[in-house]
Amino acid sequence: MRELPRQLSADELAELFGGRTRVVQRLEGHEDPLGAARDVLGEAPEEEQIEALNAHPPIGARRLAGHSALEQGTDDDPALRTTLAYLNEVYEEKFGFRFLVFVNRRPKAEIVTVLEERLARTREKELETALDELVAIARDRWESGATA
C-alpha cells in the first residue's frame, strides 16, 4: 500500500479518476489531491460532478479496459449482464448520472443487489454516495499501485 501522494500529474489523476475531467483539472497541482478530492468534488458545480462520474464505464459493460477490467473482473453470465444493463439504464434515467460503486473485486451478483438498493434513494443522497465511491475507487487505484 502506498502513502497518499503530495502531488500528481493530470495524467496520473486521469488514470485514477477514470478520465480527464474538469475535476481532474481542479485537482492537478493540488498539494494533496486524493486527500482533498472529496472536498473539491463537493465544491464543484453539479455539472462537473456528473462529468466525473460519467467518465467511468458502466458496471458490467462488455468491453472494459485498464483498471475497470481488473476491478470488475470477468463474469460472462448473460442473464447477469442483461440485468446489470437494465438496472444501469433505470438508474441513469432516474438520477441523470452513471451508477458508481467501489467494486473491490466483488462478484457482479452482489453489485446487482447494491444497485437495486441504491435505486430507492433520493437523487441528492445518491449523488453524495456516488461521489464518495468515486474517491474510494481513486484511492484504491493509488494504494494498489495503479500508477507509477
N, C-alpha and C. Protein backbone atom coordinates (compact mmCIF):
# COMPACT_ATOMS: atom_id res chain seq x y z
N MET A 1 0.86 -1.18 0.00
CA MET A 1 0.00 0.00 0.00
C MET A 1 0.89 1.23 0.00
N ARG A 2 0.62 2.15 -0.91
CA ARG A 2 1.42 3.36 -1.00
C ARG A 2 0.78 4.48 -0.18
N GLU A 3 1.63 5.35 0.31
CA GLU A 3 1.13 6.53 1.03
C GLU A 3 0.47 7.47 0.03
N LEU A 4 -0.42 8.31 0.54
CA LEU A 4 -1.06 9.29 -0.34
C LEU A 4 -0.01 10.25 -0.87
N PRO A 5 -0.12 10.61 -2.14
CA PRO A 5 0.88 11.48 -2.76
C PRO A 5 0.69 12.94 -2.36
N ARG A 6 1.74 13.69 -2.50
CA ARG A 6 1.66 15.13 -2.26
C ARG A 6 1.18 15.84 -3.51
N GLN A 7 1.58 15.39 -4.68
CA GLN A 7 1.11 15.97 -5.94
C GLN A 7 1.06 14.89 -6.99
N LEU A 8 0.14 15.03 -7.93
CA LEU A 8 0.02 14.10 -9.05
C LEU A 8 -0.18 14.89 -10.33
N SER A 9 0.32 14.34 -11.42
CA SER A 9 0.13 14.99 -12.72
C SER A 9 -1.31 14.79 -13.18
N ALA A 10 -1.68 15.54 -14.19
CA ALA A 10 -3.02 15.39 -14.78
C ALA A 10 -3.20 13.99 -15.33
N ASP A 11 -2.15 13.43 -15.95
CA ASP A 11 -2.24 12.07 -16.49
C ASP A 11 -2.47 11.05 -15.38
N GLU A 12 -1.75 11.18 -14.28
CA GLU A 12 -1.92 10.25 -13.16
C GLU A 12 -3.32 10.37 -12.56
N LEU A 13 -3.78 11.60 -12.39
CA LEU A 13 -5.12 11.81 -11.84
C LEU A 13 -6.19 11.27 -12.78
N ALA A 14 -6.02 11.49 -14.07
CA ALA A 14 -6.99 10.98 -15.05
C ALA A 14 -7.05 9.46 -14.98
N GLU A 15 -5.93 8.82 -14.77
CA GLU A 15 -5.89 7.36 -14.65
C GLU A 15 -6.65 6.91 -13.39
N LEU A 16 -6.48 7.63 -12.31
CA LEU A 16 -7.13 7.27 -11.05
C LEU A 16 -8.63 7.56 -11.06
N PHE A 17 -9.04 8.63 -11.74
CA PHE A 17 -10.43 9.07 -11.72
C PHE A 17 -11.21 8.69 -12.98
N GLY A 18 -10.62 7.92 -13.86
CA GLY A 18 -11.36 7.39 -15.00
C GLY A 18 -11.32 8.24 -16.25
N GLY A 19 -10.66 9.37 -16.22
CA GLY A 19 -10.57 10.20 -17.42
C GLY A 19 -10.24 11.64 -17.08
N ARG A 20 -9.94 12.40 -18.12
CA ARG A 20 -9.62 13.83 -17.95
C ARG A 20 -10.92 14.63 -17.87
N THR A 21 -11.23 15.05 -16.68
CA THR A 21 -12.44 15.83 -16.45
C THR A 21 -12.05 17.17 -15.82
N ARG A 22 -13.02 18.03 -15.68
CA ARG A 22 -12.74 19.32 -15.03
C ARG A 22 -12.38 19.12 -13.56
N VAL A 23 -12.88 18.09 -12.93
CA VAL A 23 -12.49 17.81 -11.55
C VAL A 23 -11.02 17.43 -11.49
N VAL A 24 -10.56 16.64 -12.45
CA VAL A 24 -9.13 16.30 -12.52
C VAL A 24 -8.31 17.57 -12.68
N GLN A 25 -8.77 18.48 -13.52
CA GLN A 25 -8.06 19.75 -13.69
C GLN A 25 -8.01 20.52 -12.37
N ARG A 26 -9.09 20.51 -11.61
CA ARG A 26 -9.12 21.19 -10.32
C ARG A 26 -8.11 20.56 -9.33
N LEU A 27 -7.94 19.24 -9.43
CA LEU A 27 -7.05 18.53 -8.51
C LEU A 27 -5.58 18.62 -8.91
N GLU A 28 -5.34 18.86 -10.20
CA GLU A 28 -3.96 18.92 -10.69
C GLU A 28 -3.18 20.02 -9.96
N GLY A 29 -2.02 19.68 -9.49
CA GLY A 29 -1.19 20.65 -8.79
C GLY A 29 -1.58 20.88 -7.34
N HIS A 30 -2.69 20.27 -6.93
CA HIS A 30 -3.11 20.38 -5.53
C HIS A 30 -2.09 19.65 -4.68
N GLU A 31 -1.75 20.22 -3.54
CA GLU A 31 -0.72 19.62 -2.69
C GLU A 31 -1.06 18.21 -2.23
N ASP A 32 -2.33 17.93 -2.00
CA ASP A 32 -2.78 16.61 -1.53
C ASP A 32 -4.05 16.24 -2.29
N PRO A 33 -3.92 15.87 -3.58
CA PRO A 33 -5.11 15.69 -4.42
C PRO A 33 -6.08 14.62 -3.94
N LEU A 34 -5.58 13.49 -3.47
CA LEU A 34 -6.50 12.44 -3.03
C LEU A 34 -7.10 12.77 -1.67
N GLY A 35 -6.36 13.44 -0.85
CA GLY A 35 -6.89 13.87 0.45
C GLY A 35 -7.95 14.95 0.31
N ALA A 36 -7.81 15.77 -0.73
CA ALA A 36 -8.73 16.89 -0.94
C ALA A 36 -9.84 16.56 -1.93
N ALA A 37 -9.78 15.38 -2.55
CA ALA A 37 -10.69 15.07 -3.66
C ALA A 37 -12.15 15.21 -3.28
N ARG A 38 -12.53 14.71 -2.12
CA ARG A 38 -13.96 14.76 -1.76
C ARG A 38 -14.42 16.19 -1.56
N ASP A 39 -13.59 17.02 -0.94
CA ASP A 39 -13.95 18.43 -0.76
C ASP A 39 -14.03 19.15 -2.11
N VAL A 40 -13.06 18.88 -2.98
CA VAL A 40 -13.05 19.51 -4.30
C VAL A 40 -14.30 19.10 -5.07
N LEU A 41 -14.65 17.82 -5.02
CA LEU A 41 -15.86 17.36 -5.69
C LEU A 41 -17.10 18.03 -5.10
N GLY A 42 -17.15 18.15 -3.79
CA GLY A 42 -18.30 18.77 -3.14
C GLY A 42 -18.49 20.23 -3.50
N GLU A 43 -17.39 20.91 -3.77
CA GLU A 43 -17.44 22.33 -4.12
C GLU A 43 -17.65 22.56 -5.62
N ALA A 44 -17.43 21.53 -6.42
CA ALA A 44 -17.57 21.66 -7.87
C ALA A 44 -19.04 21.80 -8.24
N PRO A 45 -19.33 22.50 -9.34
CA PRO A 45 -20.71 22.56 -9.82
C PRO A 45 -21.21 21.15 -10.14
N GLU A 46 -22.51 20.94 -10.00
CA GLU A 46 -23.08 19.61 -10.25
C GLU A 46 -22.73 19.09 -11.63
N GLU A 47 -22.69 19.95 -12.61
CA GLU A 47 -22.34 19.55 -13.98
C GLU A 47 -20.96 18.88 -14.01
N GLU A 48 -20.01 19.41 -13.25
CA GLU A 48 -18.66 18.83 -13.20
C GLU A 48 -18.65 17.54 -12.38
N GLN A 49 -19.46 17.47 -11.36
CA GLN A 49 -19.57 16.23 -10.58
C GLN A 49 -20.07 15.10 -11.47
N ILE A 50 -21.10 15.39 -12.24
CA ILE A 50 -21.69 14.37 -13.11
C ILE A 50 -20.70 13.98 -14.22
N GLU A 51 -19.98 14.94 -14.74
CA GLU A 51 -18.95 14.64 -15.74
C GLU A 51 -17.92 13.66 -15.17
N ALA A 52 -17.51 13.88 -13.92
CA ALA A 52 -16.54 12.99 -13.27
C ALA A 52 -17.11 11.59 -13.10
N LEU A 53 -18.36 11.49 -12.70
CA LEU A 53 -19.00 10.17 -12.54
C LEU A 53 -19.14 9.46 -13.88
N ASN A 54 -19.53 10.19 -14.89
CA ASN A 54 -19.78 9.60 -16.20
C ASN A 54 -18.50 9.23 -16.95
N ALA A 55 -17.33 9.61 -16.40
CA ALA A 55 -16.06 9.23 -17.02
C ALA A 55 -15.79 7.74 -16.85
N HIS A 56 -16.44 7.13 -15.86
CA HIS A 56 -16.27 5.69 -15.62
C HIS A 56 -17.20 4.88 -16.51
N PRO A 57 -16.77 3.69 -16.92
CA PRO A 57 -17.67 2.84 -17.72
C PRO A 57 -18.77 2.25 -16.85
N PRO A 58 -19.89 1.90 -17.44
CA PRO A 58 -20.96 1.28 -16.66
C PRO A 58 -20.52 -0.06 -16.06
N ILE A 59 -21.04 -0.36 -14.89
CA ILE A 59 -20.79 -1.66 -14.27
C ILE A 59 -21.35 -2.74 -15.20
N GLY A 60 -20.52 -3.73 -15.49
CA GLY A 60 -20.97 -4.84 -16.31
C GLY A 60 -20.85 -4.62 -17.80
N ALA A 61 -20.24 -3.49 -18.20
CA ALA A 61 -20.07 -3.24 -19.64
C ALA A 61 -19.23 -4.36 -20.26
N ARG A 62 -19.45 -4.60 -21.52
CA ARG A 62 -18.78 -5.72 -22.20
C ARG A 62 -17.28 -5.50 -22.40
N ARG A 63 -16.91 -4.43 -23.02
CA ARG A 63 -15.51 -4.23 -23.40
C ARG A 63 -14.84 -3.24 -22.47
N LEU A 64 -14.50 -3.71 -21.31
CA LEU A 64 -13.79 -2.87 -20.35
C LEU A 64 -12.30 -2.94 -20.62
N ALA A 65 -11.61 -1.88 -20.25
CA ALA A 65 -10.16 -1.85 -20.43
C ALA A 65 -9.51 -1.34 -19.14
N GLY A 66 -8.23 -1.54 -19.04
CA GLY A 66 -7.45 -0.99 -17.95
C GLY A 66 -7.94 -1.37 -16.58
N HIS A 67 -7.99 -0.38 -15.71
CA HIS A 67 -8.37 -0.60 -14.31
C HIS A 67 -9.76 -1.18 -14.17
N SER A 68 -10.68 -0.68 -14.95
CA SER A 68 -12.07 -1.14 -14.83
C SER A 68 -12.18 -2.63 -15.11
N ALA A 69 -11.44 -3.12 -16.09
CA ALA A 69 -11.47 -4.55 -16.42
C ALA A 69 -10.96 -5.38 -15.25
N LEU A 70 -9.88 -4.93 -14.63
CA LEU A 70 -9.33 -5.66 -13.48
C LEU A 70 -10.26 -5.61 -12.28
N GLU A 71 -10.83 -4.44 -12.03
CA GLU A 71 -11.67 -4.25 -10.85
C GLU A 71 -13.00 -5.00 -10.97
N GLN A 72 -13.58 -4.97 -12.15
CA GLN A 72 -14.89 -5.59 -12.34
C GLN A 72 -14.81 -7.08 -12.65
N GLY A 73 -13.65 -7.54 -13.05
CA GLY A 73 -13.50 -8.96 -13.33
C GLY A 73 -14.25 -9.37 -14.59
N THR A 74 -14.31 -10.67 -14.80
CA THR A 74 -15.00 -11.19 -15.98
C THR A 74 -16.07 -12.17 -15.54
N ASP A 75 -17.27 -11.75 -15.67
CA ASP A 75 -18.40 -12.61 -15.37
C ASP A 75 -19.28 -12.59 -16.60
N ASP A 76 -19.21 -13.66 -17.37
CA ASP A 76 -19.90 -13.68 -18.66
C ASP A 76 -21.29 -14.28 -18.61
N ASP A 77 -21.89 -14.32 -17.43
CA ASP A 77 -23.25 -14.84 -17.31
C ASP A 77 -24.19 -13.88 -18.05
N PRO A 78 -24.78 -14.32 -19.17
CA PRO A 78 -25.63 -13.43 -19.97
C PRO A 78 -26.81 -12.85 -19.20
N ALA A 79 -27.43 -13.64 -18.34
CA ALA A 79 -28.58 -13.14 -17.57
C ALA A 79 -28.14 -12.04 -16.62
N LEU A 80 -27.01 -12.22 -15.99
CA LEU A 80 -26.48 -11.22 -15.05
C LEU A 80 -26.12 -9.93 -15.79
N ARG A 81 -25.48 -10.07 -16.94
CA ARG A 81 -25.13 -8.89 -17.73
C ARG A 81 -26.36 -8.15 -18.20
N THR A 82 -27.39 -8.88 -18.59
CA THR A 82 -28.64 -8.27 -19.03
C THR A 82 -29.29 -7.51 -17.86
N THR A 83 -29.29 -8.12 -16.69
CA THR A 83 -29.85 -7.47 -15.50
C THR A 83 -29.09 -6.19 -15.17
N LEU A 84 -27.77 -6.25 -15.19
CA LEU A 84 -26.96 -5.06 -14.91
C LEU A 84 -27.21 -3.97 -15.94
N ALA A 85 -27.27 -4.34 -17.20
CA ALA A 85 -27.52 -3.34 -18.26
C ALA A 85 -28.87 -2.65 -18.03
N TYR A 86 -29.88 -3.44 -17.71
CA TYR A 86 -31.21 -2.88 -17.46
C TYR A 86 -31.20 -1.95 -16.24
N LEU A 87 -30.61 -2.42 -15.14
CA LEU A 87 -30.58 -1.61 -13.92
C LEU A 87 -29.74 -0.35 -14.10
N ASN A 88 -28.64 -0.44 -14.84
CA ASN A 88 -27.85 0.75 -15.15
C ASN A 88 -28.69 1.78 -15.90
N GLU A 89 -29.48 1.31 -16.85
CA GLU A 89 -30.33 2.21 -17.64
C GLU A 89 -31.39 2.87 -16.74
N VAL A 90 -32.03 2.08 -15.89
CA VAL A 90 -33.03 2.62 -14.98
C VAL A 90 -32.39 3.66 -14.05
N TYR A 91 -31.23 3.33 -13.54
CA TYR A 91 -30.50 4.23 -12.63
C TYR A 91 -30.19 5.56 -13.32
N GLU A 92 -29.60 5.47 -14.52
CA GLU A 92 -29.23 6.69 -15.23
C GLU A 92 -30.45 7.53 -15.59
N GLU A 93 -31.55 6.89 -15.93
CA GLU A 93 -32.78 7.63 -16.21
C GLU A 93 -33.31 8.32 -14.96
N LYS A 94 -33.25 7.64 -13.83
CA LYS A 94 -33.76 8.20 -12.58
C LYS A 94 -32.89 9.33 -12.05
N PHE A 95 -31.57 9.11 -12.04
CA PHE A 95 -30.67 10.06 -11.37
C PHE A 95 -29.96 11.03 -12.31
N GLY A 96 -29.80 10.67 -13.58
CA GLY A 96 -29.15 11.56 -14.52
C GLY A 96 -27.63 11.45 -14.54
N PHE A 97 -27.10 10.39 -13.95
CA PHE A 97 -25.66 10.14 -13.98
C PHE A 97 -25.42 8.65 -13.82
N ARG A 98 -24.20 8.25 -14.10
CA ARG A 98 -23.82 6.83 -14.09
C ARG A 98 -23.73 6.29 -12.67
N PHE A 99 -24.16 5.05 -12.50
CA PHE A 99 -24.02 4.32 -11.24
C PHE A 99 -22.55 4.02 -11.00
N LEU A 100 -22.07 4.41 -9.83
CA LEU A 100 -20.69 4.15 -9.47
C LEU A 100 -20.64 3.46 -8.13
N VAL A 101 -19.86 2.41 -8.05
CA VAL A 101 -19.68 1.69 -6.80
C VAL A 101 -18.25 1.19 -6.76
N PHE A 102 -17.66 1.23 -5.58
CA PHE A 102 -16.33 0.68 -5.38
C PHE A 102 -16.49 -0.83 -5.36
N VAL A 103 -16.21 -1.45 -6.48
CA VAL A 103 -16.46 -2.88 -6.67
C VAL A 103 -15.58 -3.71 -5.74
N ASN A 104 -14.32 -3.32 -5.62
CA ASN A 104 -13.38 -4.02 -4.74
C ASN A 104 -13.40 -5.52 -5.02
N ARG A 105 -13.48 -5.85 -6.31
CA ARG A 105 -13.42 -7.23 -6.79
C ARG A 105 -14.57 -8.11 -6.31
N ARG A 106 -15.67 -7.50 -5.92
CA ARG A 106 -16.87 -8.26 -5.53
C ARG A 106 -17.52 -8.85 -6.77
N PRO A 107 -18.22 -9.97 -6.63
CA PRO A 107 -18.91 -10.54 -7.78
C PRO A 107 -20.04 -9.62 -8.25
N LYS A 108 -20.31 -9.67 -9.54
CA LYS A 108 -21.34 -8.80 -10.12
C LYS A 108 -22.72 -9.06 -9.53
N ALA A 109 -22.99 -10.29 -9.11
CA ALA A 109 -24.29 -10.59 -8.49
C ALA A 109 -24.48 -9.76 -7.23
N GLU A 110 -23.43 -9.53 -6.50
CA GLU A 110 -23.51 -8.70 -5.29
C GLU A 110 -23.74 -7.24 -5.67
N ILE A 111 -23.16 -6.82 -6.78
CA ILE A 111 -23.33 -5.44 -7.25
C ILE A 111 -24.77 -5.19 -7.67
N VAL A 112 -25.43 -6.20 -8.23
CA VAL A 112 -26.85 -6.07 -8.60
C VAL A 112 -27.67 -5.70 -7.36
N THR A 113 -27.41 -6.35 -6.25
CA THR A 113 -28.13 -6.05 -5.00
C THR A 113 -27.87 -4.61 -4.56
N VAL A 114 -26.61 -4.19 -4.64
CA VAL A 114 -26.26 -2.80 -4.26
C VAL A 114 -26.99 -1.82 -5.16
N LEU A 115 -27.00 -2.08 -6.45
CA LEU A 115 -27.65 -1.19 -7.40
C LEU A 115 -29.15 -1.11 -7.11
N GLU A 116 -29.77 -2.23 -6.86
CA GLU A 116 -31.21 -2.24 -6.55
C GLU A 116 -31.50 -1.44 -5.29
N GLU A 117 -30.68 -1.57 -4.26
CA GLU A 117 -30.88 -0.82 -3.02
C GLU A 117 -30.71 0.68 -3.24
N ARG A 118 -29.72 1.04 -4.04
CA ARG A 118 -29.46 2.46 -4.25
C ARG A 118 -30.51 3.12 -5.14
N LEU A 119 -31.22 2.35 -5.92
CA LEU A 119 -32.31 2.91 -6.73
C LEU A 119 -33.44 3.48 -5.87
N ALA A 120 -33.53 3.05 -4.63
CA ALA A 120 -34.59 3.51 -3.73
C ALA A 120 -34.27 4.86 -3.09
N ARG A 121 -33.09 5.37 -3.29
CA ARG A 121 -32.65 6.60 -2.64
C ARG A 121 -33.14 7.86 -3.35
N THR A 122 -32.96 8.97 -2.67
CA THR A 122 -33.20 10.27 -3.31
C THR A 122 -32.02 10.60 -4.21
N ARG A 123 -32.23 11.47 -5.15
CA ARG A 123 -31.15 11.88 -6.06
C ARG A 123 -30.02 12.53 -5.27
N GLU A 124 -30.37 13.39 -4.34
CA GLU A 124 -29.35 14.09 -3.54
C GLU A 124 -28.46 13.11 -2.79
N LYS A 125 -29.07 12.15 -2.11
CA LYS A 125 -28.31 11.15 -1.35
C LYS A 125 -27.47 10.29 -2.29
N GLU A 126 -28.03 9.94 -3.43
CA GLU A 126 -27.30 9.08 -4.37
C GLU A 126 -26.12 9.81 -4.99
N LEU A 127 -26.26 11.08 -5.30
CA LEU A 127 -25.14 11.85 -5.84
C LEU A 127 -24.01 11.90 -4.82
N GLU A 128 -24.35 12.13 -3.57
CA GLU A 128 -23.35 12.16 -2.50
C GLU A 128 -22.63 10.82 -2.39
N THR A 129 -23.39 9.73 -2.43
CA THR A 129 -22.79 8.39 -2.34
C THR A 129 -21.90 8.11 -3.55
N ALA A 130 -22.37 8.45 -4.74
CA ALA A 130 -21.59 8.19 -5.96
C ALA A 130 -20.26 8.94 -5.93
N LEU A 131 -20.27 10.18 -5.42
CA LEU A 131 -19.02 10.94 -5.32
C LEU A 131 -18.08 10.30 -4.30
N ASP A 132 -18.61 9.81 -3.20
CA ASP A 132 -17.79 9.09 -2.23
C ASP A 132 -17.17 7.85 -2.86
N GLU A 133 -17.96 7.14 -3.66
CA GLU A 133 -17.47 5.93 -4.33
C GLU A 133 -16.36 6.27 -5.32
N LEU A 134 -16.52 7.39 -6.04
CA LEU A 134 -15.51 7.83 -7.00
C LEU A 134 -14.17 8.03 -6.30
N VAL A 135 -14.19 8.67 -5.15
CA VAL A 135 -12.96 8.92 -4.40
C VAL A 135 -12.39 7.59 -3.86
N ALA A 136 -13.24 6.70 -3.40
CA ALA A 136 -12.78 5.40 -2.91
C ALA A 136 -12.09 4.61 -4.02
N ILE A 137 -12.63 4.67 -5.21
CA ILE A 137 -12.02 3.98 -6.36
C ILE A 137 -10.65 4.57 -6.65
N ALA A 138 -10.57 5.90 -6.71
CA ALA A 138 -9.29 6.56 -7.00
C ALA A 138 -8.25 6.23 -5.93
N ARG A 139 -8.64 6.27 -4.68
CA ARG A 139 -7.71 5.95 -3.59
C ARG A 139 -7.23 4.51 -3.69
N ASP A 140 -8.14 3.59 -3.97
CA ASP A 140 -7.76 2.19 -4.10
C ASP A 140 -6.80 2.00 -5.27
N ARG A 141 -7.06 2.66 -6.35
CA ARG A 141 -6.16 2.56 -7.50
C ARG A 141 -4.77 3.06 -7.14
N TRP A 142 -4.71 4.15 -6.41
CA TRP A 142 -3.40 4.68 -6.00
C TRP A 142 -2.71 3.70 -5.04
N GLU A 143 -3.43 3.26 -4.02
CA GLU A 143 -2.84 2.40 -2.99
C GLU A 143 -2.42 1.05 -3.55
N SER A 144 -3.10 0.57 -4.58
CA SER A 144 -2.73 -0.72 -5.17
C SER A 144 -1.66 -0.57 -6.25
N GLY A 145 -1.18 0.66 -6.42
CA GLY A 145 -0.10 0.89 -7.37
C GLY A 145 -0.53 1.01 -8.81
N ALA A 146 -1.72 1.53 -9.02
CA ALA A 146 -2.28 1.62 -10.37
C ALA A 146 -1.52 2.61 -11.25
N THR A 147 -0.80 3.54 -10.65
CA THR A 147 0.03 4.46 -11.45
C THR A 147 1.45 4.35 -10.95
N ALA A 148 2.36 4.68 -11.82
CA ALA A 148 3.78 4.58 -11.46
C ALA A 148 4.22 5.74 -10.60
